[in-house]
C-alpha atoms as a PDB file:
ATOM      1  CA  MET A   1      49.527 -38.748  22.367  1.00  0.00           C
ATOM      2  CA  ILE A   2      49.089 -39.190  26.112  1.00  0.00           C
ATOM      3  CA  LYS A   3      50.110 -42.848  25.844  1.00  0.00           C
ATOM      4  CA  LEU A   4      53.299 -41.786  24.075  1.00  0.00           C
ATOM      5  CA  LYS A   5      54.134 -39.303  26.833  1.00  0.00           C
ATOM      6  CA  VAL A   6      53.497 -41.906  29.543  1.00  0.00           C
ATOM      7  CA  LEU A   7      55.624 -44.438  27.688  1.00  0.00           C
ATOM      8  CA  GLY A   8      58.414 -41.885  27.345  1.00  0.00           C
ATOM      9  CA  MET A   9      58.304 -41.094  31.051  1.00  0.00           C
ATOM     10  CA  VAL A  10      58.417 -44.795  31.962  1.00  0.00           C
ATOM     11  CA  VAL A  11      61.412 -45.372  29.668  1.00  0.00           C
ATOM     12  CA  LEU A  12      63.174 -42.330  31.124  1.00  0.00           C
ATOM     13  CA  LEU A  13      62.539 -43.610  34.639  1.00  0.00           C
ATOM     14  CA  LEU A  14      63.893 -47.056  33.785  1.00  0.00           C
ATOM     15  CA  LEU A  15      66.976 -45.632  32.100  1.00  0.00           C
ATOM     16  CA  SER A  16      67.743 -43.320  35.000  1.00  0.00           C
ATOM     17  CA  SER A  17      67.344 -46.100  37.564  1.00  0.00           C
ATOM     18  CA  ALA A  18      69.564 -48.495  35.594  1.00  0.00           C
ATOM     19  CA  SER A  19      72.703 -46.707  36.792  1.00  0.00           C
ATOM     20  CA  VAL A  20      71.696 -47.273  40.417  1.00  0.00           C
ATOM     21  CA  ILE A  21      71.382 -51.043  40.032  1.00  0.00           C
ATOM     22  CA  LEU A  22      74.928 -52.228  40.648  1.00  0.00           C
ATOM     23  CA  ALA A  23      76.354 -55.376  42.174  1.00  0.00           C
ATOM     24  CA  ASP A  24      77.618 -55.205  45.765  1.00  0.00           C
ATOM     25  CA  PRO A  25      81.379 -55.114  46.233  1.00  0.00           C
ATOM     26  CA  PRO A  26      82.991 -58.174  47.832  1.00  0.00           C
ATOM     27  CA  PRO A  27      83.158 -58.215  51.634  1.00  0.00           C
ATOM     28  CA  PRO A  28      86.490 -57.361  53.299  1.00  0.00           C
ATOM     29  CA  PRO A  29      88.753 -60.326  54.095  1.00  0.00           C
ATOM     30  CA  ASP A  30      88.764 -61.767  57.606  1.00  0.00           C
ATOM     31  CA  PRO A  31      91.589 -60.316  59.714  1.00  0.00           C
ATOM     32  CA  GLY A  32      92.338 -63.696  61.294  1.00  0.00           C
ATOM     33  CA  GLY A  33      92.782 -65.655  58.078  1.00  0.00           C
ATOM     34  CA  ASN A  34      90.376 -68.267  56.758  1.00  0.00           C
ATOM     35  CA  PRO A  35      89.147 -70.353  59.749  1.00  0.00           C
ATOM     36  CA  THR A  36      86.855 -72.572  57.652  1.00  0.00           C
ATOM     37  CA  GLY A  37      89.673 -74.063  55.612  1.00  0.00           C
ATOM     38  CA  GLY A  38      89.377 -74.317  51.883  1.00  0.00           C
ATOM     39  CA  GLY A  39      91.045 -71.887  49.598  1.00  0.00           C
ATOM     40  CA  GLY A  40      90.534 -69.494  46.801  1.00  0.00           C
ATOM     41  CA  GLY A  41      90.527 -65.769  46.511  1.00  0.00           C
ATOM     42  CA  THR A  42      87.919 -63.283  47.532  1.00  0.00           C
ATOM     43  CA  PRO A  43      84.734 -63.393  45.448  1.00  0.00           C
ATOM     44  CA  VAL A  44      84.197 -60.679  42.870  1.00  0.00           C
ATOM     45  CA  GLY A  45      80.937 -58.713  42.466  1.00  0.00           C
ATOM     46  CA  ALA A  46      78.861 -59.735  39.447  1.00  0.00           C
ATOM     47  CA  PRO A  47      78.545 -57.050  36.749  1.00  0.00           C
ATOM     48  CA  ILE A  48      74.944 -56.341  35.808  1.00  0.00           C
ATOM     49  CA  ASP A  49      75.280 -53.263  33.609  1.00  0.00           C
ATOM     50  CA  GLY A  50      76.804 -54.879  30.496  1.00  0.00           C
ATOM     51  CA  GLY A  51      73.838 -56.993  29.514  1.00  0.00           C
ATOM     52  CA  LEU A  52      71.297 -54.522  30.869  1.00  0.00           C
ATOM     53  CA  GLY A  53      72.598 -51.689  28.709  1.00  0.00           C
ATOM     54  CA  ILE A  54      72.460 -53.827  25.588  1.00  0.00           C
ATOM     55  CA  LEU A  55      68.941 -54.998  26.447  1.00  0.00           C
ATOM     56  CA  LEU A  56      67.723 -51.416  26.974  1.00  0.00           C
ATOM     57  CA  ALA A  57      69.315 -50.253  23.720  1.00  0.00           C
ATOM     58  CA  MET A  58      67.721 -53.104  21.754  1.00  0.00           C
ATOM     59  CA  GLY A  59      64.338 -52.363  23.337  1.00  0.00           C
ATOM     60  CA  ALA A  60      64.618 -48.663  22.459  1.00  0.00           C
ATOM     61  CA  ILE A  61      65.511 -49.500  18.856  1.00  0.00           C
ATOM     62  CA  TYR A  62      62.636 -51.969  18.590  1.00  0.00           C
ATOM     63  CA  GLY A  63      60.158 -49.490  20.077  1.00  0.00           C
ATOM     64  CA  GLY A  64      61.372 -46.698  17.807  1.00  0.00           C
ATOM     65  CA  ARG A  65      60.957 -48.860  14.740  1.00  0.00           C
ATOM     66  CA  LYS A  66      57.440 -49.906  15.758  1.00  0.00           C
ATOM     67  CA  LEU A  67      56.542 -46.245  16.349  1.00  0.00           C
ATOM     68  CA  TYR A  68      57.985 -45.244  12.970  1.00  0.00           C
ATOM     69  CA  ILE A  69      56.005 -47.954  11.167  1.00  0.00           C
ATOM     70  CA  ALA A  70      52.796 -47.054  13.014  1.00  0.00           C
ATOM     71  CA  ARG A  71      53.120 -43.363  12.090  1.00  0.00           C
ATOM     72  CA  LYS A  72      53.970 -44.230   8.494  1.00  0.00           C
ATOM     73  CA  ASP A  73      50.913 -46.502   8.199  1.00  0.00           C
ATOM     74  CA  LYS A  74      48.697 -43.821   9.750  1.00  0.00           C
ATOM     75  CA  LYS A  75      49.910 -41.233   7.214  1.00  0.00           C
ATOM     76  CA  GLU A  76      49.308 -43.619   4.328  1.00  0.00           C
ATOM     77  CA  LYS A  77      45.826 -44.409   5.595  1.00  0.00           C
ATOM     78  CA  GLU A  78      44.964 -40.699   5.928  1.00  0.00           C
ATOM     79  CA  SER A  79      46.259 -39.897   2.437  1.00  0.00           C
ATOM     80  CA  THR A  80      44.278 -42.814   0.991  1.00  0.00           C
ATOM     81  CA  GLU A  81      41.117 -41.577   2.723  1.00  0.00           C
ATOM     82  CA  GLU A  82      41.712 -38.066   1.332  1.00  0.00           C
ATOM     83  CA  ASP A  83      42.125 -39.448  -2.194  1.00  0.00           C
ATOM     84  CA  ILE A  84      38.863 -41.368  -1.874  1.00  0.00           C
ATOM     85  CA  ALA A  85      37.063 -38.282  -0.545  1.00  0.00           C
ATOM     86  CA  GLU A  86      38.269 -36.176  -3.497  1.00  0.00           C
ATOM     87  CA  GLU A  87      36.802 -38.605  -6.026  1.00  0.00           C
END
């Protein structure tokens, strides 16, 4: 039970910190033009949240399923042990 609480707290911490992890905005353009030559527009910040949100959701689903199966197996094992004890 304690492991489950610790795991829940770790997941909550990771989910709450995921909103803080954002890409930096692009720097402001130079006021004097582009002295280095070359061309192109200003670079755009890379989005991180799209893939991270999907990854966290998939991990939560996977963990929930594993927990469900573990509890189901534990119940079946306990009921089997009770049936054997009654005989």
